[in-house]
Each structure stands twice: as structure tokens, then as C-alpha cells.
């Protein structure tokens, strides 16, 4: 668990981290450099949830031995499926990271939504939905590894 106590934003206890795969953690199905190290550290404090349509067929192996739960998206609206996952886990205890239009509702539903401007870019709609915008996934993961950075960003 990661506890946040941010003046003007309140206390939050994060238990889950919802992560979009392609465009957020990976490019063309391959995990971006140095992401695995950060996720390994975060997996000791949060339950990691990898959410993907598995476009490149790498979802089963991309995180290797890092403890996580894989959620494969089915047919139908992906944004709704991602939002429902956040809701089912208890959105008051979820942080979510993504870069695509189909991540918008998941970020909105989660208590902490972080939009990632990654190598595929980011959907402009996320910038008005997210609590935080990060230049890349490594910086976004570092916010959770060093939560006082979130205090500096989110306090009123």
C-alpha cells in the first residue's frame, strides 16, 4: 500500500495500480527500458494490473516474473471495460496510468489518474481527465516510488 496525505486533496490509500500496456508500458509490444525495475519495486507495495487487448501477443510474457494480474480486453468498448475493472477493485484505492482514448474513463474512475505522454503520444482528452500528466512512464512510476513528488504536484 502507498499512503498519500496531500493538503487540499486529502488522504488516499493506494492498493492497486492499473496499467495500460501498449503505448504506456510498451512500444510495439516490448516493455520500455528500465520500466521492469520500477514495476518490480512497486509490486512490493501495490497490486499491479496489466490491462490490454494484446495487440502484439506479448502480454503473457512482457512483465516476466513481476507479480501482476493480466486482464485481457474482450470485444466491445474497451474504455468501458477498463472503467469497470477500476470500479470492481474499488476506485478509491486505485491509481491508473494510460495514454490512449480508451484509458480516459479508467483514469477518471480511479482516485489517482496519471496520463502518460509516451512514444505513441497521448490522447488530448486525457489531459483534462487526469490528475497528473507525466512526460513518460518512468517518471510516472517514479511518482509512486517517491510519493512526496505527488504532494508537491497536487497540493492546493
Protein backbone atom coordinates (compact mmCIF):
# COMPACT_ATOMS: atom_id res chain seq x y z
CA UNK A 1 0.00 0.00 0.00
CA UNK A 2 1.04 3.58 -0.63
CA UNK A 3 -0.43 6.24 1.62
CA UNK A 4 -0.80 9.79 0.40
CA UNK A 5 -1.75 12.76 2.56
CA UNK A 6 -1.90 15.77 0.30
CA UNK A 7 -3.01 19.17 1.66
CA UNK A 8 -6.23 20.23 -0.04
CA UNK A 9 -6.57 16.87 -1.81
CA UNK A 10 -6.91 14.60 1.18
CA UNK A 11 -5.74 11.22 2.37
CA UNK A 12 -5.57 8.32 -0.05
CA UNK A 13 -4.52 4.70 0.38
CA UNK A 14 -3.47 3.16 -2.91
CA UNK A 15 -3.66 -0.64 -3.17
CA UNK A 16 -3.90 -1.21 -6.94
CA UNK A 17 -2.07 0.16 -9.95
CA UNK A 18 -3.89 -0.25 -13.27
CA UNK A 19 -1.54 -0.11 -16.24
CA UNK A 20 -2.31 0.07 -19.93
CA UNK A 21 0.25 -1.96 -21.89
CA UNK A 22 0.81 -0.69 -25.43
CA UNK A 23 1.68 2.97 -25.64
CA UNK A 24 2.09 3.26 -21.88
CA UNK A 25 4.44 0.49 -20.66
CA UNK A 26 5.44 -0.88 -24.03
CA UNK A 27 6.15 0.14 -27.60
CA UNK A 28 5.15 -2.36 -30.28
CA UNK A 29 4.62 -4.99 -27.58
CA UNK A 30 8.08 -4.66 -26.00
CA UNK A 31 8.48 -3.24 -22.50
CA UNK A 32 10.22 0.14 -22.49
CA UNK A 33 13.73 0.28 -20.94
CA UNK A 34 14.03 0.50 -17.15
CA UNK A 35 10.29 0.01 -16.61
CA UNK A 36 10.68 -3.53 -15.27
CA UNK A 37 12.91 -2.38 -12.38
CA UNK A 38 10.39 0.20 -11.27
CA UNK A 39 7.46 -2.20 -11.57
CA UNK A 40 9.33 -4.83 -9.54
CA UNK A 41 9.72 -2.30 -6.70
CA UNK A 42 6.11 -1.15 -6.94
CA UNK A 43 4.83 -4.74 -6.93
CA UNK A 44 6.02 -4.99 -3.33
CA UNK A 45 3.65 -2.16 -2.33
CA UNK A 46 0.79 -2.33 -4.83
CA UNK A 47 -1.14 -4.97 -6.75
CA UNK A 48 -0.26 -4.48 -10.39
CA UNK A 49 -2.93 -4.97 -13.05
CA UNK A 50 -1.88 -5.09 -16.69
CA UNK A 51 -4.79 -4.23 -18.99
CA UNK A 52 -4.53 -4.87 -22.71
CA UNK A 53 -6.15 -6.05 -25.91
CA UNK A 54 -2.74 -7.73 -26.51
CA UNK A 55 -2.33 -6.30 -30.00
CA UNK A 56 1.20 -7.71 -30.32
CA UNK A 57 0.64 -11.00 -28.50
CA UNK A 58 3.25 -10.32 -25.81
CA UNK A 59 1.07 -9.68 -22.75
CA UNK A 60 1.69 -13.08 -21.14
CA UNK A 61 5.44 -12.59 -21.05
CA UNK A 62 6.15 -8.86 -21.09
CA UNK A 63 6.40 -8.47 -17.29
CA UNK A 64 8.19 -11.77 -16.77
CA UNK A 65 8.45 -12.74 -13.09
CA UNK A 66 6.99 -9.47 -11.75
CA UNK A 67 3.85 -10.30 -9.79
CA UNK A 68 0.79 -8.94 -11.57
CA UNK A 69 -2.68 -9.79 -12.81
CA UNK A 70 -3.28 -9.78 -16.55
CA UNK A 71 -6.65 -8.51 -17.79
CA UNK A 72 -7.30 -9.17 -21.47
CA UNK A 73 -9.90 -6.91 -23.01
CA UNK A 74 -12.72 -8.59 -24.87
CA UNK A 75 -14.89 -7.40 -27.72
CA UNK A 76 -16.87 -4.25 -27.14
CA UNK A 77 -15.96 -0.83 -25.80
CA UNK A 78 -12.52 -1.05 -24.22
CA UNK A 79 -12.92 2.19 -22.31
CA UNK A 80 -15.94 0.74 -20.51
CA UNK A 81 -14.10 -2.49 -19.69
CA UNK A 82 -11.18 -0.57 -18.20
CA UNK A 83 -13.51 1.63 -16.16
CA UNK A 84 -15.38 -1.44 -14.88
CA UNK A 85 -12.11 -3.01 -13.77
CA UNK A 86 -11.25 0.11 -11.75
CA UNK A 87 -14.74 0.10 -10.28
CA UNK A 88 -14.55 -3.60 -9.35
CA UNK A 89 -11.25 -3.10 -7.49
CA UNK A 90 -12.54 -0.15 -5.51
CA UNK A 91 -11.72 3.08 -7.32
CA UNK A 92 -10.86 4.85 -4.06
CA UNK A 93 -7.81 2.58 -3.81
CA UNK A 94 -6.71 2.56 -7.46
CA UNK A 95 -4.12 4.54 -9.34
CA UNK A 96 -4.28 4.23 -13.12
CA UNK A 97 -1.85 5.07 -15.91
CA UNK A 98 -2.52 5.26 -19.61
CA UNK A 99 -2.03 7.21 -22.82
CA UNK A 100 -4.99 6.33 -25.03
CA UNK A 101 -8.56 7.44 -25.55
CA UNK A 102 -9.69 4.08 -24.16
CA UNK A 103 -7.89 4.90 -20.87
CA UNK A 104 -9.85 8.09 -20.16
CA UNK A 105 -12.69 6.53 -18.13
CA UNK A 106 -10.26 4.33 -16.17
CA UNK A 107 -8.22 7.38 -15.16
CA UNK A 108 -11.39 9.28 -14.31
CA UNK A 109 -12.78 6.41 -12.21
CA UNK A 110 -9.54 5.90 -10.24
CA UNK A 111 -8.62 8.04 -7.26
CA UNK A 112 -5.33 8.91 -8.97
CA UNK A 113 -5.19 9.09 -12.76
CA UNK A 114 -1.86 9.69 -14.50
CA UNK A 115 -1.74 10.44 -18.21
CA UNK A 116 1.46 9.33 -19.92
CA UNK A 117 2.94 11.15 -22.89
CA UNK A 118 4.81 8.16 -24.29
CA UNK A 119 6.44 7.19 -27.59
CA UNK A 120 3.00 6.79 -29.21
CA UNK A 121 1.89 10.19 -27.93
CA UNK A 122 -1.20 10.66 -25.77
CA UNK A 123 -4.85 11.35 -26.39
CA UNK A 124 -5.54 15.04 -25.75
CA UNK A 125 -8.73 14.19 -23.81
CA UNK A 126 -6.61 12.59 -21.07
CA UNK A 127 -5.05 15.92 -20.23
CA UNK A 128 -8.35 17.25 -18.89
CA UNK A 129 -9.26 13.97 -17.14
CA UNK A 130 -6.00 13.03 -15.41
CA UNK A 131 -4.87 14.26 -12.01
CA UNK A 132 -1.26 14.31 -13.22
CA UNK A 133 0.39 14.36 -16.63
CA UNK A 134 3.81 12.78 -16.97
CA UNK A 135 6.32 13.02 -19.82
CA UNK A 136 7.00 9.27 -19.79
CA UNK A 137 6.21 6.07 -17.94
CA UNK A 138 9.46 6.06 -15.96
CA UNK A 139 8.70 9.47 -14.49
CA UNK A 140 5.12 8.42 -13.76
CA UNK A 141 6.23 5.27 -11.92
CA UNK A 142 8.80 7.32 -10.02
CA UNK A 143 5.94 9.47 -8.68
CA UNK A 144 4.59 6.39 -6.90
CA UNK A 145 8.04 5.27 -5.79
CA UNK A 146 8.60 8.75 -4.32
CA UNK A 147 5.08 9.86 -3.30
CA UNK A 148 6.19 13.21 -1.89
CA UNK A 149 6.54 14.28 -5.52
CA UNK A 150 2.78 13.85 -5.82
CA UNK A 151 2.33 16.07 -2.78
CA UNK A 152 4.28 18.83 -4.47
CA UNK A 153 2.18 18.45 -7.62
CA UNK A 154 -1.33 18.01 -6.21
CA UNK A 155 -1.49 20.16 -3.07
CA UNK A 156 -3.62 23.32 -3.07
